Amino acid sequence: MTTIDAGAEFDRQVHNLIELEYPAMGGLAPEQFRSLVAPLRDLAAKTGSITCEPDTGRLPFVLVVPRQVVPIEQMMPRTTLHRKAKPGFVDHSFEPGSLERFVATKETELPDQRVYLLLDIERGEEFCGAVPRDAMDTITARGRTLLTIEEGIAMITQFPEILVKNKCFSLGGSRSGDRRVPALWISQNAPKLGWCWEGNPHTWLGMASAGSRGATA
């Protein structure tokens, strides 16, 4: 557990995205990107000192860049496991054209912005072994929100240590109209974006959620 200044953590995440060439992939210069995210810094800084607990699966906030700015296929190779170098990848089980159909559900209510904050995040390992459909219902009943594919990728981009063996997570906020639920887990010593059936439980796969999303006016 580490207590840090929220503004400093925000700056670290911005710098990390610039180092990973997110602005360039979105057609922006680094300074343009900094200007774009600057209003969100005030929102993050209002939380003052924050506690980061990636080892326990909890994060105070993470910057999210939607796929309309940077394609998912370009995000995943910029992820790694903690202290590893092998890049993440999209599993071949996503047949050509299917990934584009996994969009945010109506209930997810994403901000209509090029970058936003995801707040009060839980990896959701309490749902390891639960039926994904039941886990999603429980999270919704708690007033929390399921995560999209981009939000899950944002988590492991900024905090690689949150993706660990037997504590991987599904992303129920992105669906394609069928029984598949996207998920992030470890394969071939790297992060993998795949999917599992909504009725099939896995002992190593929980369900990620967040308290809210923050955007500028």
C-alpha atoms as a PDB file:
ATOM      1  CA  MET A   1       0.000   0.000   0.000  1.00  0.00           C
ATOM      2  CA  THR A   2       1.377   3.402  -1.013  1.00  0.00           C
ATOM      3  CA  THR A   3      -0.073   6.839  -0.243  1.00  0.00           C
ATOM      4  CA  ILE A   4       0.753   9.450  -2.872  1.00  0.00           C
ATOM      5  CA  ASP A   5      -0.424  12.842  -4.082  1.00  0.00           C
ATOM      6  CA  ALA A   6      -3.267  12.518  -6.593  1.00  0.00           C
ATOM      7  CA  GLY A   7      -1.876  15.252  -8.819  1.00  0.00           C
ATOM      8  CA  ALA A   8       1.509  13.560  -8.980  1.00  0.00           C
ATOM      9  CA  GLU A   9      -0.145  10.243  -9.882  1.00  0.00           C
ATOM     10  CA  PHE A  10      -2.151  11.944 -12.621  1.00  0.00           C
ATOM     11  CA  ASP A  11       1.041  13.441 -14.040  1.00  0.00           C
ATOM     12  CA  ARG A  12       2.714  10.025 -13.978  1.00  0.00           C
ATOM     13  CA  GLN A  13      -0.125   8.484 -15.962  1.00  0.00           C
ATOM     14  CA  VAL A  14      -0.053  11.283 -18.546  1.00  0.00           C
ATOM     15  CA  HIS A  15       3.707  10.896 -18.951  1.00  0.00           C
ATOM     16  CA  ASN A  16       3.339   7.139 -19.315  1.00  0.00           C
ATOM     17  CA  LEU A  17       0.783   7.507 -22.108  1.00  0.00           C
ATOM     18  CA  ILE A  18       3.051   9.956 -23.916  1.00  0.00           C
ATOM     19  CA  GLU A  19       5.992   7.559 -23.586  1.00  0.00           C
ATOM     20  CA  LEU A  20       3.796   4.803 -25.029  1.00  0.00           C
ATOM     21  CA  GLU A  21       2.976   7.062 -28.019  1.00  0.00           C
ATOM     22  CA  TYR A  22      -0.735   7.403 -27.297  1.00  0.00           C
ATOM     23  CA  PRO A  23      -0.807  11.042 -28.500  1.00  0.00           C
ATOM     24  CA  ALA A  24       0.899  10.099 -31.781  1.00  0.00           C
ATOM     25  CA  MET A  25      -1.517   7.212 -32.336  1.00  0.00           C
ATOM     26  CA  GLY A  26      -4.375   9.650 -31.816  1.00  0.00           C
ATOM     27  CA  GLY A  27      -2.921  12.221 -34.195  1.00  0.00           C
ATOM     28  CA  LEU A  28      -1.817  14.611 -31.453  1.00  0.00           C
ATOM     29  CA  ALA A  29       1.472  16.182 -30.450  1.00  0.00           C
ATOM     30  CA  PRO A  30       2.493  15.580 -26.818  1.00  0.00           C
ATOM     31  CA  GLU A  31       1.657  19.157 -25.824  1.00  0.00           C
ATOM     32  CA  GLN A  32      -1.753  18.904 -27.485  1.00  0.00           C
ATOM     33  CA  PHE A  33      -2.383  15.775 -25.468  1.00  0.00           C
ATOM     34  CA  ARG A  34      -1.308  17.496 -22.252  1.00  0.00           C
ATOM     35  CA  SER A  35      -3.725  20.340 -22.986  1.00  0.00           C
ATOM     36  CA  LEU A  36      -6.503  17.856 -23.708  1.00  0.00           C
ATOM     37  CA  VAL A  37      -6.138  16.084 -20.363  1.00  0.00           C
ATOM     38  CA  ALA A  38      -5.271  19.161 -18.268  1.00  0.00           C
ATOM     39  CA  PRO A  39      -8.875  19.809 -17.063  1.00  0.00           C
ATOM     40  CA  LEU A  40      -9.017  16.274 -15.710  1.00  0.00           C
ATOM     41  CA  ARG A  41      -6.028  16.951 -13.478  1.00  0.00           C
ATOM     42  CA  ASP A  42      -8.100  19.287 -11.302  1.00  0.00           C
ATOM     43  CA  LEU A  43     -10.718  16.570 -10.949  1.00  0.00           C
ATOM     44  CA  ALA A  44      -8.102  14.039  -9.907  1.00  0.00           C
ATOM     45  CA  ALA A  45      -6.283  16.463  -7.598  1.00  0.00           C
ATOM     46  CA  LYS A  46      -9.461  17.074  -5.572  1.00  0.00           C
ATOM     47  CA  THR A  47      -9.001  13.642  -4.030  1.00  0.00           C
ATOM     48  CA  GLY A  48      -5.809  14.891  -2.319  1.00  0.00           C
ATOM     49  CA  SER A  49      -3.668  12.054  -1.009  1.00  0.00           C
ATOM     50  CA  ILE A  50      -4.663   8.712  -2.464  1.00  0.00           C
ATOM     51  CA  THR A  51      -3.888   5.108  -1.680  1.00  0.00           C
ATOM     52  CA  CYS A  52      -2.761   2.875  -4.529  1.00  0.00           C
ATOM     53  CA  GLU A  53      -3.223  -0.833  -3.820  1.00  0.00           C
ATOM     54  CA  PRO A  54      -2.683  -2.656  -7.118  1.00  0.00           C
ATOM     55  CA  ASP A  55      -1.542  -5.758  -5.236  1.00  0.00           C
ATOM     56  CA  THR A  56      -4.970  -5.969  -3.603  1.00  0.00           C
ATOM     57  CA  GLY A  57      -6.800  -5.088  -6.799  1.00  0.00           C
ATOM     58  CA  ARG A  58      -7.896  -1.553  -5.914  1.00  0.00           C
ATOM     59  CA  LEU A  59      -7.005   1.666  -7.758  1.00  0.00           C
ATOM     60  CA  PRO A  60      -8.124   5.254  -7.052  1.00  0.00           C
ATOM     61  CA  PHE A  61      -8.313   6.337 -10.692  1.00  0.00           C
ATOM     62  CA  VAL A  62      -6.946   5.695 -14.139  1.00  0.00           C
ATOM     63  CA  LEU A  63      -6.871   7.754 -17.337  1.00  0.00           C
ATOM     64  CA  VAL A  64      -8.870   6.122 -20.131  1.00  0.00           C
ATOM     65  CA  VAL A  65      -8.386   6.743 -23.853  1.00  0.00           C
ATOM     66  CA  PRO A  66     -11.358   5.349 -25.844  1.00  0.00           C
ATOM     67  CA  ARG A  67     -10.951   3.311 -29.014  1.00  0.00           C
ATOM     68  CA  GLN A  68     -12.242   6.244 -31.080  1.00  0.00           C
ATOM     69  CA  VAL A  69      -8.890   7.883 -30.346  1.00  0.00           C
ATOM     70  CA  VAL A  70      -6.571   4.853 -30.231  1.00  0.00           C
ATOM     71  CA  PRO A  71      -7.661   1.442 -31.613  1.00  0.00           C
ATOM     72  CA  ILE A  72      -7.698  -1.477 -29.193  1.00  0.00           C
ATOM     73  CA  GLU A  73      -5.376  -3.408 -31.504  1.00  0.00           C
ATOM     74  CA  GLN A  74      -2.752  -0.698 -30.924  1.00  0.00           C
ATOM     75  CA  MET A  75      -3.329  -0.467 -27.170  1.00  0.00           C
ATOM     76  CA  MET A  76      -2.775  -4.131 -26.314  1.00  0.00           C
ATOM     77  CA  PRO A  77       0.808  -4.405 -27.664  1.00  0.00           C
ATOM     78  CA  ARG A  78       1.717  -1.540 -25.336  1.00  0.00           C
ATOM     79  CA  THR A  79       0.807  -3.551 -22.248  1.00  0.00           C
ATOM     80  CA  THR A  80       3.092  -5.953 -20.385  1.00  0.00           C
ATOM     81  CA  LEU A  81       3.026  -7.974 -17.205  1.00  0.00           C
ATOM     82  CA  HIS A  82       4.765  -6.491 -14.162  1.00  0.00           C
ATOM     83  CA  ARG A  83       8.546  -6.529 -14.705  1.00  0.00           C
ATOM     84  CA  LYS A  84       8.133  -8.408 -17.984  1.00  0.00           C
ATOM     85  CA  ALA A  85       8.792  -7.272 -21.551  1.00  0.00           C
ATOM     86  CA  LYS A  86       6.573  -9.446 -23.734  1.00  0.00           C
ATOM     87  CA  PRO A  87       3.786  -7.319 -25.268  1.00  0.00           C
ATOM     88  CA  GLY A  88       0.098  -7.995 -24.730  1.00  0.00           C
ATOM     89  CA  PHE A  89      -2.087  -9.228 -27.580  1.00  0.00           C
ATOM     90  CA  VAL A  90      -5.648  -9.764 -28.787  1.00  0.00           C
ATOM     91  CA  ASP A  91      -6.595 -13.444 -28.870  1.00  0.00           C
ATOM     92  CA  HIS A  92      -7.380 -15.074 -32.202  1.00  0.00           C
ATOM     93  CA  SER A  93     -10.788 -16.126 -30.789  1.00  0.00           C
ATOM     94  CA  PHE A  94     -11.955 -12.661 -31.845  1.00  0.00           C
ATOM     95  CA  GLU A  95     -12.812 -13.470 -35.437  1.00  0.00           C
ATOM     96  CA  PRO A  96     -12.133 -10.693 -37.996  1.00  0.00           C
ATOM     97  CA  GLY A  97     -14.471  -7.770 -37.416  1.00  0.00           C
ATOM     98  CA  SER A  98     -15.852  -9.080 -34.112  1.00  0.00           C
ATOM     99  CA  LEU A  99     -13.833  -6.844 -31.791  1.00  0.00           C
ATOM    100  CA  GLU A 100     -15.532  -3.777 -33.251  1.00  0.00           C
ATOM    101  CA  ARG A 101     -18.901  -5.206 -32.175  1.00  0.00           C
ATOM    102  CA  PHE A 102     -17.906  -5.321 -28.508  1.00  0.00           C
ATOM    103  CA  VAL A 103     -19.121  -1.851 -27.627  1.00  0.00           C
ATOM    104  CA  ALA A 104     -20.077  -0.166 -24.354  1.00  0.00           C
ATOM    105  CA  THR A 105     -23.511  -1.161 -23.111  1.00  0.00           C
ATOM    106  CA  LYS A 106     -26.197   1.488 -22.679  1.00  0.00           C
ATOM    107  CA  GLU A 107     -25.964   1.090 -18.899  1.00  0.00           C
ATOM    108  CA  THR A 108     -22.252   1.905 -18.960  1.00  0.00           C
ATOM    109  CA  GLU A 109     -22.899   5.552 -19.915  1.00  0.00           C
ATOM    110  CA  LEU A 110     -19.446   6.521 -21.149  1.00  0.00           C
ATOM    111  CA  PRO A 111     -18.462  10.204 -21.213  1.00  0.00           C
ATOM    112  CA  ASP A 112     -18.459  11.617 -24.736  1.00  0.00           C
ATOM    113  CA  GLN A 113     -14.852  12.745 -24.479  1.00  0.00           C
ATOM    114  CA  ARG A 114     -11.492  11.814 -25.961  1.00  0.00           C
ATOM    115  CA  VAL A 115     -10.007  11.110 -22.521  1.00  0.00           C
ATOM    116  CA  TYR A 116     -11.694  10.631 -19.142  1.00  0.00           C
ATOM    117  CA  LEU A 117     -11.101   9.308 -15.633  1.00  0.00           C
ATOM    118  CA  LEU A 118     -12.273   5.969 -14.277  1.00  0.00           C
ATOM    119  CA  LEU A 119     -12.646   6.217 -10.489  1.00  0.00           C
ATOM    120  CA  ASP A 120     -12.695   3.845  -7.508  1.00  0.00           C
ATOM    121  CA  ILE A 121     -11.660   0.699  -9.374  1.00  0.00           C
ATOM    122  CA  GLU A 122     -11.825  -2.884  -8.139  1.00  0.00           C
ATOM    123  CA  ARG A 123     -10.243  -5.834  -9.932  1.00  0.00           C
ATOM    124  CA  GLY A 124     -13.077  -7.985  -8.606  1.00  0.00           C
ATOM    125  CA  GLU A 125     -11.376 -11.209  -7.549  1.00  0.00           C
ATOM    126  CA  GLU A 126     -14.235 -11.825  -5.113  1.00  0.00           C
ATOM    127  CA  PHE A 127     -16.070 -13.029  -8.220  1.00  0.00           C
ATOM    128  CA  CYS A 128     -13.465 -15.628  -9.165  1.00  0.00           C
ATOM    129  CA  GLY A 129     -15.410 -18.860  -9.535  1.00  0.00           C
ATOM    130  CA  ALA A 130     -18.742 -17.046  -9.891  1.00  0.00           C
ATOM    131  CA  VAL A 131     -20.931 -17.222 -12.973  1.00  0.00           C
ATOM    132  CA  PRO A 132     -20.091 -14.009 -14.893  1.00  0.00           C
ATOM    133  CA  ARG A 133     -23.764 -13.222 -15.480  1.00  0.00           C
ATOM    134  CA  ASP A 134     -24.421 -13.397 -11.720  1.00  0.00           C
ATOM    135  CA  ALA A 135     -21.333 -11.301 -10.950  1.00  0.00           C
ATOM    136  CA  MET A 136     -22.516  -8.591 -13.328  1.00  0.00           C
ATOM    137  CA  ASP A 137     -25.946  -8.534 -11.678  1.00  0.00           C
ATOM    138  CA  THR A 138     -24.360  -8.224  -8.219  1.00  0.00           C
ATOM    139  CA  ILE A 139     -22.132  -5.333  -9.278  1.00  0.00           C
ATOM    140  CA  THR A 140     -25.049  -3.492 -10.848  1.00  0.00           C
ATOM    141  CA  ALA A 141     -27.129  -3.985  -7.692  1.00  0.00           C
ATOM    142  CA  ARG A 142     -24.326  -2.346  -5.691  1.00  0.00           C
ATOM    143  CA  GLY A 143     -24.584   0.771  -7.839  1.00  0.00           C
ATOM    144  CA  ARG A 144     -21.178   0.204  -9.401  1.00  0.00           C
ATOM    145  CA  THR A 145     -20.374   0.135 -13.100  1.00  0.00           C
ATOM    146  CA  LEU A 146     -18.883  -2.644 -15.211  1.00  0.00           C
ATOM    147  CA  LEU A 147     -15.713  -1.889 -17.143  1.00  0.00           C
ATOM    148  CA  THR A 148     -15.252  -1.634 -20.896  1.00  0.00           C
ATOM    149  CA  ILE A 149     -12.405  -3.206 -22.846  1.00  0.00           C
ATOM    150  CA  GLU A 150     -10.587   0.128 -23.064  1.00  0.00           C
ATOM    151  CA  GLU A 151     -10.931   0.680 -19.316  1.00  0.00           C
ATOM    152  CA  GLY A 152      -9.472  -2.739 -18.558  1.00  0.00           C
ATOM    153  CA  ILE A 153      -6.553  -2.059 -20.873  1.00  0.00           C
ATOM    154  CA  ALA A 154      -6.043   1.323 -19.188  1.00  0.00           C
ATOM    155  CA  MET A 155      -5.757  -0.455 -15.820  1.00  0.00           C
ATOM    156  CA  ILE A 156      -2.974  -2.794 -16.880  1.00  0.00           C
ATOM    157  CA  THR A 157      -1.255  -0.085 -18.934  1.00  0.00           C
ATOM    158  CA  GLN A 158      -0.816   2.130 -15.880  1.00  0.00           C
ATOM    159  CA  PHE A 159      -0.599  -0.644 -13.258  1.00  0.00           C
ATOM    160  CA  PRO A 160       0.797  -3.850 -14.805  1.00  0.00           C
ATOM    161  CA  GLU A 161       1.008  -5.436 -11.364  1.00  0.00           C
ATOM    162  CA  ILE A 162      -2.795  -5.588 -11.132  1.00  0.00           C
ATOM    163  CA  LEU A 163      -2.920  -8.449 -13.658  1.00  0.00           C
ATOM    164  CA  VAL A 164      -1.652 -11.532 -11.844  1.00  0.00           C
ATOM    165  CA  LYS A 165      -2.136 -15.289 -11.974  1.00  0.00           C
ATOM    166  CA  ASN A 166      -5.508 -16.462 -10.617  1.00  0.00           C
ATOM    167  CA  LYS A 167      -6.709 -12.844 -10.231  1.00  0.00           C
ATOM    168  CA  CYS A 168      -7.534 -11.869 -13.791  1.00  0.00           C
ATOM    169  CA  PHE A 169     -10.802 -10.135 -14.676  1.00  0.00           C
ATOM    170  CA  SER A 170     -13.745  -9.876 -17.058  1.00  0.00           C
ATOM    171  CA  LEU A 171     -14.935  -6.620 -18.610  1.00  0.00           C
ATOM    172  CA  GLY A 172     -18.722  -6.773 -18.655  1.00  0.00           C
ATOM    173  CA  GLY A 173     -19.179  -3.177 -19.794  1.00  0.00           C
ATOM    174  CA  SER A 174     -18.385  -4.118 -23.406  1.00  0.00           C
ATOM    175  CA  ARG A 175     -20.748  -6.577 -25.077  1.00  0.00           C
ATOM    176  CA  SER A 176     -21.519  -7.665 -28.620  1.00  0.00           C
ATOM    177  CA  GLY A 177     -25.126  -8.780 -28.248  1.00  0.00           C
ATOM    178  CA  ASP A 178     -24.285 -12.448 -27.626  1.00  0.00           C
ATOM    179  CA  ARG A 179     -23.177 -14.524 -24.622  1.00  0.00           C
ATOM    180  CA  ARG A 180     -19.511 -13.558 -24.812  1.00  0.00           C
ATOM    181  CA  VAL A 181     -17.918 -11.406 -22.100  1.00  0.00           C
ATOM    182  CA  PRO A 182     -14.464  -9.929 -22.854  1.00  0.00           C
ATOM    183  CA  ALA A 183     -11.716 -10.476 -20.312  1.00  0.00           C
ATOM    184  CA  LEU A 184      -8.032  -9.886 -19.646  1.00  0.00           C
ATOM    185  CA  TRP A 185      -5.838 -12.720 -18.448  1.00  0.00           C
ATOM    186  CA  ILE A 186      -2.295 -14.060 -18.743  1.00  0.00           C
ATOM    187  CA  SER A 187      -1.207 -16.251 -21.641  1.00  0.00           C
ATOM    188  CA  GLN A 188       2.254 -17.008 -23.028  1.00  0.00           C
ATOM    189  CA  ASN A 189       3.732 -14.806 -20.281  1.00  0.00           C
ATOM    190  CA  ALA A 190       1.877 -11.712 -21.525  1.00  0.00           C
ATOM    191  CA  PRO A 191      -1.498  -9.968 -21.121  1.00  0.00           C
ATOM    192  CA  LYS A 192      -4.188 -11.367 -23.408  1.00  0.00           C
ATOM    193  CA  LEU A 193      -7.533  -9.878 -24.373  1.00  0.00           C
ATOM    194  CA  GLY A 194      -9.969 -12.713 -24.909  1.00  0.00           C
ATOM    195  CA  TRP A 195     -13.524 -13.622 -23.974  1.00  0.00           C
ATOM    196  CA  CYS A 196     -15.480 -16.191 -21.958  1.00  0.00           C
ATOM    197  CA  TRP A 197     -19.122 -17.270 -21.952  1.00  0.00           C
ATOM    198  CA  GLU A 198     -21.397 -15.357 -19.565  1.00  0.00           C
ATOM    199  CA  GLY A 199     -22.637 -18.613 -18.024  1.00  0.00           C
ATOM    200  CA  ASN A 200     -19.272 -20.307 -17.517  1.00  0.00           C
ATOM    201  CA  PRO A 201     -17.419 -19.626 -14.223  1.00  0.00           C
ATOM    202  CA  HIS A 202     -13.624 -19.730 -13.975  1.00  0.00           C
ATOM    203  CA  THR A 203     -11.723 -19.940 -10.688  1.00  0.00           C
ATOM    204  CA  TRP A 204      -9.071 -17.515 -11.964  1.00  0.00           C
ATOM    205  CA  LEU A 205     -11.367 -14.903 -13.538  1.00  0.00           C
ATOM    206  CA  GLY A 206     -13.252 -12.225 -11.562  1.00  0.00           C
ATOM    207  CA  MET A 207     -15.297  -9.224 -12.711  1.00  0.00           C
ATOM    208  CA  ALA A 208     -13.840  -5.691 -12.651  1.00  0.00           C
ATOM    209  CA  SER A 209     -15.918  -2.649 -11.679  1.00  0.00           C
ATOM    210  CA  ALA A 210     -15.657   1.024 -10.836  1.00  0.00           C
ATOM    211  CA  GLY A 211     -17.492   3.536  -8.688  1.00  0.00           C
ATOM    212  CA  SER A 212     -17.900   6.193 -11.373  1.00  0.00           C
ATOM    213  CA  ARG A 213     -16.380   8.015 -14.348  1.00  0.00           C
ATOM    214  CA  GLY A 214     -15.132  11.592 -14.319  1.00  0.00           C
ATOM    215  CA  ALA A 215     -15.157  14.005 -17.231  1.00  0.00           C
ATOM    216  CA  THR A 216     -14.808  17.714 -17.851  1.00  0.00           C
ATOM    217  CA  ALA A 217     -17.818  19.971 -18.368  1.00  0.00           C
END
